[in-house]
Structures are given as structure tokens and as C-alpha cells.
Amino acid sequence: EDSYMNKRHIVDSYTNKVEKGTLLQAKRLINF
């Protein structure tokens, strides 16, 4: 769970840096 949450924080830090579609696909990868 710590590893999972760390990756979610990384995605959040990129919210304004990459396109929305990229963020959504990254979240799917993290969930898998």
C-alpha cells in the first residue's frame, strides 16, 4: 500500500505537466 500510494502521489505531482489522457492511463497502470 505504501508503494501504491507513492506512485499515486507521483501522478498527482504531474497533474499540470502532462495531458489528461496520459494521467488516466498511468492510473490504470498503477492499479494493475
PDB file of all heavy atoms in Angstrom:
ATOM      1  N   GLU A   1       0.817  -1.208   0.000  1.00  0.00           N
ATOM      2  CA  GLU A   1       0.000   0.000   0.000  1.00  0.00           C
ATOM      3  C   GLU A   1       0.852   1.260   0.000  1.00  0.00           C
ATOM      4  O   GLU A   1       0.513   2.253  -0.658  1.00  0.00           O
ATOM      5  CB  GLU A   1      -0.944   0.004   1.210  1.00  0.00           C
ATOM      6  CG  GLU A   1      -1.967  -1.120   1.212  1.00  0.00           C
ATOM      7  CD  GLU A   1      -2.831  -1.113  -0.037  1.00  0.00           C
ATOM      8  OE1 GLU A   1      -3.108  -0.027  -0.581  1.00  0.00           O
ATOM      9  OE2 GLU A   1      -3.213  -2.205  -0.491  1.00  0.00           O
ATOM     10  N   ASP A   2       1.981   1.230   0.711  1.00  0.00           N
ATOM     11  CA  ASP A   2       2.878   2.390   0.711  1.00  0.00           C
ATOM     12  C   ASP A   2       3.431   2.646  -0.687  1.00  0.00           C
ATOM     13  O   ASP A   2       3.513   3.794  -1.144  1.00  0.00           O
ATOM     14  CB  ASP A   2       4.033   2.172   1.692  1.00  0.00           C
ATOM     15  CG  ASP A   2       3.597   2.262   3.147  1.00  0.00           C
ATOM     16  OD1 ASP A   2       2.467   2.719   3.387  1.00  0.00           O
ATOM     17  OD2 ASP A   2       4.385   1.864   4.029  1.00  0.00           O
ATOM     18  N   SER A   3       3.821   1.556  -1.371  1.00  0.00           N
ATOM     19  CA  SER A   3       4.340   1.689  -2.728  1.00  0.00           C
ATOM     20  C   SER A   3       3.274   2.229  -3.668  1.00  0.00           C
ATOM     21  O   SER A   3       3.538   3.098  -4.509  1.00  0.00           O
ATOM     22  CB  SER A   3       4.841   0.333  -3.221  1.00  0.00           C
ATOM     23  OG  SER A   3       5.255   0.408  -4.562  1.00  0.00           O
ATOM     24  N   TYR A   4       2.059   1.728  -3.509  1.00  0.00           N
ATOM     25  CA  TYR A   4       0.930   2.163  -4.337  1.00  0.00           C
ATOM     26  C   TYR A   4       0.640   3.650  -4.138  1.00  0.00           C
ATOM     27  O   TYR A   4       0.496   4.412  -5.102  1.00  0.00           O
ATOM     28  CB  TYR A   4      -0.286   1.317  -3.989  1.00  0.00           C
ATOM     29  CG  TYR A   4      -1.582   1.751  -4.626  1.00  0.00           C
ATOM     30  CD1 TYR A   4      -1.788   1.577  -5.991  1.00  0.00           C
ATOM     31  CD2 TYR A   4      -2.603   2.301  -3.863  1.00  0.00           C
ATOM     32  CE1 TYR A   4      -2.984   1.961  -6.587  1.00  0.00           C
ATOM     33  CE2 TYR A   4      -3.798   2.683  -4.450  1.00  0.00           C
ATOM     34  CZ  TYR A   4      -3.984   2.507  -5.806  1.00  0.00           C
ATOM     35  OH  TYR A   4      -5.169   2.890  -6.382  1.00  0.00           O
ATOM     36  N   MET A   5       0.592   4.080  -2.888  1.00  0.00           N
ATOM     37  CA  MET A   5       0.284   5.482  -2.606  1.00  0.00           C
ATOM     38  C   MET A   5       1.404   6.396  -3.088  1.00  0.00           C
ATOM     39  O   MET A   5       1.141   7.510  -3.563  1.00  0.00           O
ATOM     40  CB  MET A   5       0.059   5.676  -1.107  1.00  0.00           C
ATOM     41  CG  MET A   5      -1.202   5.014  -0.588  1.00  0.00           C
ATOM     42  SD  MET A   5      -2.694   5.545  -1.515  1.00  0.00           S
ATOM     43  CE  MET A   5      -2.673   7.320  -1.194  1.00  0.00           C
ATOM     44  N   ASN A   6       2.640   5.934  -3.019  1.00  0.00           N
ATOM     45  CA  ASN A   6       3.759   6.740  -3.502  1.00  0.00           C
ATOM     46  C   ASN A   6       3.630   7.015  -4.990  1.00  0.00           C
ATOM     47  O   ASN A   6       3.854   8.143  -5.454  1.00  0.00           O
ATOM     48  CB  ASN A   6       5.075   6.020  -3.214  1.00  0.00           C
ATOM     49  CG  ASN A   6       6.275   6.802  -3.713  1.00  0.00           C
ATOM     50  OD1 ASN A   6       6.515   7.927  -3.309  1.00  0.00           O
ATOM     51  ND2 ASN A   6       7.039   6.196  -4.614  1.00  0.00           N
ATOM     52  N   LYS A   7       3.224   5.998  -5.741  1.00  0.00           N
ATOM     53  CA  LYS A   7       3.039   6.192  -7.184  1.00  0.00           C
ATOM     54  C   LYS A   7       1.868   7.130  -7.477  1.00  0.00           C
ATOM     55  O   LYS A   7       1.919   7.917  -8.421  1.00  0.00           O
ATOM     56  CB  LYS A   7       2.854   4.834  -7.866  1.00  0.00           C
ATOM     57  CG  LYS A   7       4.149   4.052  -8.001  1.00  0.00           C
ATOM     58  CD  LYS A   7       3.987   2.797  -8.847  1.00  0.00           C
ATOM     59  CE  LYS A   7       3.456   1.650  -8.027  1.00  0.00           C
ATOM     60  NZ  LYS A   7       4.457   1.125  -7.099  1.00  0.00           N
ATOM     61  N   ARG A   8       0.819   7.037  -6.674  1.00  0.00           N
ATOM     62  CA  ARG A   8      -0.307   7.958  -6.861  1.00  0.00           C
ATOM     63  C   ARG A   8       0.120   9.401  -6.610  1.00  0.00           C
ATOM     64  O   ARG A   8      -0.320  10.319  -7.314  1.00  0.00           O
ATOM     65  CB  ARG A   8      -1.460   7.582  -5.924  1.00  0.00           C
ATOM     66  CG  ARG A   8      -2.149   6.261  -6.258  1.00  0.00           C
ATOM     67  CD  ARG A   8      -2.734   6.285  -7.666  1.00  0.00           C
ATOM     68  NE  ARG A   8      -3.718   7.333  -7.850  1.00  0.00           N
ATOM     69  CZ  ARG A   8      -5.037   7.166  -7.740  1.00  0.00           C
ATOM     70  NH1 ARG A   8      -5.514   5.965  -7.452  1.00  0.00           N
ATOM     71  NH2 ARG A   8      -5.870   8.156  -7.921  1.00  0.00           N
ATOM     72  N   HIS A   9       0.970   9.616  -5.625  1.00  0.00           N
ATOM     73  CA  HIS A   9       1.472  10.971  -5.344  1.00  0.00           C
ATOM     74  C   HIS A   9       2.307  11.496  -6.511  1.00  0.00           C
ATOM     75  O   HIS A   9       2.241  12.688  -6.847  1.00  0.00           O
ATOM     76  CB  HIS A   9       2.311  10.969  -4.061  1.00  0.00           C
ATOM     77  CG  HIS A   9       1.514  10.761  -2.807  1.00  0.00           C
ATOM     78  ND1 HIS A   9       0.264  11.292  -2.616  1.00  0.00           N
ATOM     79  CD2 HIS A   9       1.797  10.055  -1.666  1.00  0.00           C
ATOM     80  CE1 HIS A   9      -0.206  10.949  -1.427  1.00  0.00           C
ATOM     81  NE2 HIS A   9       0.697  10.187  -0.833  1.00  0.00           N
ATOM     82  N   ILE A  10       3.089  10.594  -7.125  1.00  0.00           N
ATOM     83  CA  ILE A  10       3.892  10.998  -8.284  1.00  0.00           C
ATOM     84  C   ILE A  10       2.981  11.444  -9.420  1.00  0.00           C
ATOM     85  O   ILE A  10       3.221  12.472 -10.063  1.00  0.00           O
ATOM     86  CB  ILE A  10       4.804   9.843  -8.739  1.00  0.00           C
ATOM     87  CG1 ILE A  10       5.882   9.564  -7.690  1.00  0.00           C
ATOM     88  CG2 ILE A  10       5.454  10.169 -10.088  1.00  0.00           C
ATOM     89  CD1 ILE A  10       6.744   8.361  -8.000  1.00  0.00           C
ATOM     90  N   VAL A  11       1.906  10.680  -9.664  1.00  0.00           N
ATOM     91  CA  VAL A  11       0.953  11.050 -10.712  1.00  0.00           C
ATOM     92  C   VAL A  11       0.334  12.409 -10.407  1.00  0.00           C
ATOM     93  O   VAL A  11       0.210  13.268 -11.287  1.00  0.00           O
ATOM     94  CB  VAL A  11      -0.148   9.974 -10.852  1.00  0.00           C
ATOM     95  CG1 VAL A  11      -1.246  10.446 -11.798  1.00  0.00           C
ATOM     96  CG2 VAL A  11       0.453   8.678 -11.362  1.00  0.00           C
ATOM     97  N   ASP A  12      -0.044  12.619  -9.157  1.00  0.00           N
ATOM     98  CA  ASP A  12      -0.650  13.900  -8.772  1.00  0.00           C
ATOM     99  C   ASP A  12       0.307  15.065  -9.010  1.00  0.00           C
ATOM    100  O   ASP A  12      -0.117  16.161  -9.398  1.00  0.00           O
ATOM    101  CB  ASP A  12      -1.055  13.856  -7.298  1.00  0.00           C
ATOM    102  CG  ASP A  12      -2.230  12.915  -7.037  1.00  0.00           C
ATOM    103  OD1 ASP A  12      -2.943  12.575  -8.010  1.00  0.00           O
ATOM    104  OD2 ASP A  12      -2.420  12.512  -5.870  1.00  0.00           O
ATOM    105  N   SER A  13       1.596  14.821  -8.811  1.00  0.00           N
ATOM    106  CA  SER A  13       2.581  15.889  -8.980  1.00  0.00           C
ATOM    107  C   SER A  13       2.747  16.285 -10.444  1.00  0.00           C
ATOM    108  O   SER A  13       3.281  17.350 -10.745  1.00  0.00           O
ATOM    109  CB  SER A  13       3.932  15.467  -8.395  1.00  0.00           C
ATOM    110  OG  SER A  13       4.538  14.452  -9.194  1.00  0.00           O
ATOM    111  N   TYR A  14       2.289  15.416 -11.360  1.00  0.00           N
ATOM    112  CA  TYR A  14       2.387  15.691 -12.797  1.00  0.00           C
ATOM    113  C   TYR A  14       1.074  16.219 -13.378  1.00  0.00           C
ATOM    114  O   TYR A  14       0.957  16.373 -14.594  1.00  0.00           O
ATOM    115  CB  TYR A  14       2.793  14.429 -13.555  1.00  0.00           C
ATOM    116  CG  TYR A  14       4.280  14.191 -13.617  1.00  0.00           C
ATOM    117  CD1 TYR A  14       4.939  13.579 -12.560  1.00  0.00           C
ATOM    118  CD2 TYR A  14       5.026  14.575 -14.727  1.00  0.00           C
ATOM    119  CE1 TYR A  14       6.302  13.344 -12.613  1.00  0.00           C
ATOM    120  CE2 TYR A  14       6.390  14.348 -14.778  1.00  0.00           C
ATOM    121  CZ  TYR A  14       7.018  13.730 -13.712  1.00  0.00           C
ATOM    122  OH  TYR A  14       8.374  13.500 -13.768  1.00  0.00           O
ATOM    123  N   THR A  15       0.103  16.520 -12.527  1.00  0.00           N
ATOM    124  CA  THR A  15      -1.237  16.885 -12.999  1.00  0.00           C
ATOM    125  C   THR A  15      -1.212  18.018 -14.015  1.00  0.00           C
ATOM    126  O   THR A  15      -1.922  17.989 -15.028  1.00  0.00           O
ATOM    127  CB  THR A  15      -2.137  17.270 -11.807  1.00  0.00           C
ATOM    128  OG1 THR A  15      -2.254  16.142 -10.931  1.00  0.00           O
ATOM    129  CG2 THR A  15      -3.512  17.693 -12.293  1.00  0.00           C
ATOM    130  N   ASN A  16      -0.401  19.011 -13.790  1.00  0.00           N
ATOM    131  CA  ASN A  16      -0.363  20.176 -14.676  1.00  0.00           C
ATOM    132  C   ASN A  16       0.783  20.121 -15.687  1.00  0.00           C
ATOM    133  O   ASN A  16       1.051  21.106 -16.379  1.00  0.00           O
ATOM    134  CB  ASN A  16      -0.249  21.460 -13.843  1.00  0.00           C
ATOM    135  CG  ASN A  16      -1.439  21.649 -12.922  1.00  0.00           C
ATOM    136  OD1 ASN A  16      -2.579  21.382 -13.309  1.00  0.00           O
ATOM    137  ND2 ASN A  16      -1.168  22.090 -11.698  1.00  0.00           N
ATOM    138  N   LYS A  17       1.446  18.949 -15.766  1.00  0.00           N
ATOM    139  CA  LYS A  17       2.615  18.843 -16.637  1.00  0.00           C
ATOM    140  C   LYS A  17       2.371  17.971 -17.865  1.00  0.00           C
ATOM    141  O   LYS A  17       3.048  18.133 -18.882  1.00  0.00           O
ATOM    142  CB  LYS A  17       3.811  18.293 -15.849  1.00  0.00           C
ATOM    143  CG  LYS A  17       4.218  19.154 -14.671  1.00  0.00           C
ATOM    144  CD  LYS A  17       5.372  18.516 -13.907  1.00  0.00           C
ATOM    145  CE  LYS A  17       5.766  19.335 -12.691  1.00  0.00           C
ATOM    146  NZ  LYS A  17       6.868  18.714 -11.925  1.00  0.00           N
ATOM    147  N   VAL A  18       1.439  17.024 -17.769  1.00  0.00           N
ATOM    148  CA  VAL A  18       1.162  16.136 -18.897  1.00  0.00           C
ATOM    149  C   VAL A  18      -0.339  16.148 -19.175  1.00  0.00           C
ATOM    150  O   VAL A  18      -1.152  16.558 -18.338  1.00  0.00           O
ATOM    151  CB  VAL A  18       1.625  14.681 -18.609  1.00  0.00           C
ATOM    152  CG1 VAL A  18       3.129  14.615 -18.456  1.00  0.00           C
ATOM    153  CG2 VAL A  18       0.953  14.122 -17.365  1.00  0.00           C
ATOM    154  N   GLU A  19      -0.699  15.670 -20.354  1.00  0.00           N
ATOM    155  CA  GLU A  19      -2.095  15.702 -20.761  1.00  0.00           C
ATOM    156  C   GLU A  19      -2.948  14.756 -19.919  1.00  0.00           C
ATOM    157  O   GLU A  19      -2.461  13.780 -19.331  1.00  0.00           O
ATOM    158  CB  GLU A  19      -2.216  15.340 -22.241  1.00  0.00           C
ATOM    159  CG  GLU A  19      -1.681  13.959 -22.568  1.00  0.00           C
ATOM    160  CD  GLU A  19      -1.690  13.669 -24.052  1.00  0.00           C
ATOM    161  OE1 GLU A  19      -1.839  14.623 -24.836  1.00  0.00           O
ATOM    162  OE2 GLU A  19      -1.558  12.489 -24.408  1.00  0.00           O
ATOM    163  N   LYS A  20      -4.241  15.039 -19.880  1.00  0.00           N
ATOM    164  CA  LYS A  20      -5.170  14.284 -19.033  1.00  0.00           C
ATOM    165  C   LYS A  20      -5.199  12.809 -19.400  1.00  0.00           C
ATOM    166  O   LYS A  20      -5.246  11.937 -18.531  1.00  0.00           O
ATOM    167  CB  LYS A  20      -6.570  14.889 -19.156  1.00  0.00           C
ATOM    168  CG  LYS A  20      -7.596  14.253 -18.238  1.00  0.00           C
ATOM    169  CD  LYS A  20      -8.945  14.949 -18.360  1.00  0.00           C
ATOM    170  CE  LYS A  20      -9.973  14.300 -17.437  1.00  0.00           C
ATOM    171  NZ  LYS A  20     -11.290  14.985 -17.557  1.00  0.00           N
ATOM    172  N   GLY A  21      -5.162  12.508 -20.707  1.00  0.00           N
ATOM    173  CA  GLY A  21      -5.205  11.112 -21.147  1.00  0.00           C
ATOM    174  C   GLY A  21      -4.030  10.306 -20.616  1.00  0.00           C
ATOM    175  O   GLY A  21      -4.172   9.143 -20.237  1.00  0.00           O
ATOM    176  N   THR A  22      -2.846  10.942 -20.575  1.00  0.00           N
ATOM    177  CA  THR A  22      -1.664  10.276 -20.054  1.00  0.00           C
ATOM    178  C   THR A  22      -1.821   9.956 -18.575  1.00  0.00           C
ATOM    179  O   THR A  22      -1.473   8.873 -18.109  1.00  0.00           O
ATOM    180  CB  THR A  22      -0.420  11.154 -20.256  1.00  0.00           C
ATOM    181  OG1 THR A  22      -0.222  11.370 -21.651  1.00  0.00           O
ATOM    182  CG2 THR A  22       0.822  10.512 -19.669  1.00  0.00           C
ATOM    183  N   LEU A  23      -2.376  10.904 -17.829  1.00  0.00           N
ATOM    184  CA  LEU A  23      -2.591  10.688 -16.395  1.00  0.00           C
ATOM    185  C   LEU A  23      -3.575   9.548 -16.147  1.00  0.00           C
ATOM    186  O   LEU A  23      -3.362   8.709 -15.257  1.00  0.00           O
ATOM    187  CB  LEU A  23      -3.115  11.972 -15.748  1.00  0.00           C
ATOM    188  CG  LEU A  23      -2.140  13.153 -15.702  1.00  0.00           C
ATOM    189  CD1 LEU A  23      -2.846  14.404 -15.206  1.00  0.00           C
ATOM    190  CD2 LEU A  23      -0.958  12.824 -14.799  1.00  0.00           C
ATOM    191  N   LEU A  24      -4.643   9.486 -16.931  1.00  0.00           N
ATOM    192  CA  LEU A  24      -5.647   8.441 -16.748  1.00  0.00           C
ATOM    193  C   LEU A  24      -5.052   7.065 -17.037  1.00  0.00           C
ATOM    194  O   LEU A  24      -5.311   6.097 -16.311  1.00  0.00           O
ATOM    195  CB  LEU A  24      -6.848   8.705 -17.658  1.00  0.00           C
ATOM    196  CG  LEU A  24      -7.715   9.917 -17.299  1.00  0.00           C
ATOM    197  CD1 LEU A  24      -8.793  10.138 -18.350  1.00  0.00           C
ATOM    198  CD2 LEU A  24      -8.349   9.725 -15.922  1.00  0.00           C
ATOM    199  N   GLN A  25      -4.243   6.960 -18.099  1.00  0.00           N
ATOM    200  CA  GLN A  25      -3.626   5.681 -18.425  1.00  0.00           C
ATOM    201  C   GLN A  25      -2.591   5.285 -17.373  1.00  0.00           C
ATOM    202  O   GLN A  25      -2.452   4.103 -17.034  1.00  0.00           O
ATOM    203  CB  GLN A  25      -2.988   5.745 -19.815  1.00  0.00           C
ATOM    204  CG  GLN A  25      -4.030   5.853 -20.923  1.00  0.00           C
ATOM    205  CD  GLN A  25      -3.410   5.754 -22.298  1.00  0.00           C
ATOM    206  OE1 GLN A  25      -2.670   4.817 -22.575  1.00  0.00           O
ATOM    207  NE2 GLN A  25      -3.701   6.712 -23.149  1.00  0.00           N
ATOM    208  N   ALA A  26      -1.885   6.271 -16.838  1.00  0.00           N
ATOM    209  CA  ALA A  26      -0.913   5.989 -15.785  1.00  0.00           C
ATOM    210  C   ALA A  26      -1.611   5.431 -14.547  1.00  0.00           C
ATOM    211  O   ALA A  26      -1.110   4.492 -13.904  1.00  0.00           O
ATOM    212  CB  ALA A  26      -0.140   7.248 -15.428  1.00  0.00           C
ATOM    213  N   LYS A  27      -2.759   5.971 -14.216  1.00  0.00           N
ATOM    214  CA  LYS A  27      -3.505   5.481 -13.056  1.00  0.00           C
ATOM    215  C   LYS A  27      -3.959   4.041 -13.276  1.00  0.00           C
ATOM    216  O   LYS A  27      -3.981   3.233 -12.341  1.00  0.00           O
ATOM    217  CB  LYS A  27      -4.707   6.387 -12.791  1.00  0.00           C
ATOM    218  CG  LYS A  27      -4.327   7.763 -12.251  1.00  0.00           C
ATOM    219  CD  LYS A  27      -5.535   8.667 -12.067  1.00  0.00           C
ATOM    220  CE  LYS A  27      -5.112  10.029 -11.539  1.00  0.00           C
ATOM    221  NZ  LYS A  27      -6.277  10.950 -11.391  1.00  0.00           N
ATOM    222  N   ARG A  28      -4.329   3.694 -14.522  1.00  0.00           N
ATOM    223  CA  ARG A  28      -4.721   2.315 -14.808  1.00  0.00           C
ATOM    224  C   ARG A  28      -3.529   1.374 -14.624  1.00  0.00           C
ATOM    225  O   ARG A  28      -3.654   0.285 -14.070  1.00  0.00           O
ATOM    226  CB  ARG A  28      -5.248   2.200 -16.239  1.00  0.00           C
ATOM    227  CG  ARG A  28      -6.558   2.919 -16.485  1.00  0.00           C
ATOM    228  CD  ARG A  28      -7.045   2.664 -17.888  1.00  0.00           C
ATOM    229  NE  ARG A  28      -7.477   1.283 -18.033  1.00  0.00           N
ATOM    230  CZ  ARG A  28      -7.615   0.680 -19.213  1.00  0.00           C
ATOM    231  NH1 ARG A  28      -7.331   1.328 -20.324  1.00  0.00           N
ATOM    232  NH2 ARG A  28      -8.024  -0.561 -19.282  1.00  0.00           N
ATOM    233  N   LEU A  29      -2.362   1.811 -15.099  1.00  0.00           N
ATOM    234  CA  LEU A  29      -1.154   1.008 -14.921  1.00  0.00           C
ATOM    235  C   LEU A  29      -0.868   0.774 -13.444  1.00  0.00           C
ATOM    236  O   LEU A  29      -0.539  -0.342 -13.019  1.00  0.00           O
ATOM    237  CB  LEU A  29       0.040   1.722 -15.557  1.00  0.00           C
ATOM    238  CG  LEU A  29       0.239   1.553 -17.060  1.00  0.00           C
ATOM    239  CD1 LEU A  29       1.259   2.562 -17.556  1.00  0.00           C
ATOM    240  CD2 LEU A  29       0.688   0.162 -17.396  1.00  0.00           C
ATOM    241  N   ILE A  30      -0.991   1.820 -12.651  1.00  0.00           N
ATOM    242  CA  ILE A  30      -0.735   1.715 -11.223  1.00  0.00           C
ATOM    243  C   ILE A  30      -1.726   0.755 -10.570  1.00  0.00           C
ATOM    244  O   ILE A  30      -1.358  -0.061  -9.717  1.00  0.00           O
ATOM    245  CB  ILE A  30      -0.821   3.110 -10.567  1.00  0.00           C
ATOM    246  CG1 ILE A  30       0.346   3.981 -11.033  1.00  0.00           C
ATOM    247  CG2 ILE A  30      -0.816   2.995  -9.043  1.00  0.00           C
ATOM    248  CD1 ILE A  30       0.221   5.435 -10.629  1.00  0.00           C
ATOM    249  N   ASN A  31      -2.978   0.829 -10.984  1.00  0.00           N
ATOM    250  CA  ASN A  31      -3.994  -0.061 -10.414  1.00  0.00           C
ATOM    251  C   ASN A  31      -3.717  -1.522 -10.748  1.00  0.00           C
ATOM    252  O   ASN A  31      -3.890  -2.410  -9.908  1.00  0.00           O
ATOM    253  CB  ASN A  31      -5.384   0.347 -10.900  1.00  0.00           C
ATOM    254  CG  ASN A  31      -5.866   1.639 -10.273  1.00  0.00           C
ATOM    255  OD1 ASN A  31      -5.405   2.023  -9.197  1.00  0.00           O
ATOM    256  ND2 ASN A  31      -6.775   2.337 -10.935  1.00  0.00           N
ATOM    257  N   PHE A  32      -3.286  -1.797 -11.980  1.00  0.00           N
ATOM    258  CA  PHE A  32      -2.950  -3.173 -12.362  1.00  0.00           C
ATOM    259  C   PHE A  32      -1.740  -3.664 -11.572  1.00  0.00           C
ATOM    260  O   PHE A  32      -1.701  -4.813 -11.115  1.00  0.00           O
ATOM    261  CB  PHE A  32      -2.670  -3.268 -13.865  1.00  0.00           C
ATOM    262  CG  PHE A  32      -3.875  -3.092 -14.736  1.00  0.00           C
ATOM    263  CD1 PHE A  32      -3.794  -2.423 -15.943  1.00  0.00           C
ATOM    264  CD2 PHE A  32      -5.107  -3.605 -14.359  1.00  0.00           C
ATOM    265  CE1 PHE A  32      -4.909  -2.267 -16.762  1.00  0.00           C
ATOM    266  CE2 PHE A  32      -6.230  -3.451 -15.161  1.00  0.00           C
ATOM    267  CZ  PHE A  32      -6.126  -2.781 -16.368  1.00  0.00           C
TER     268      PHE A  32
END
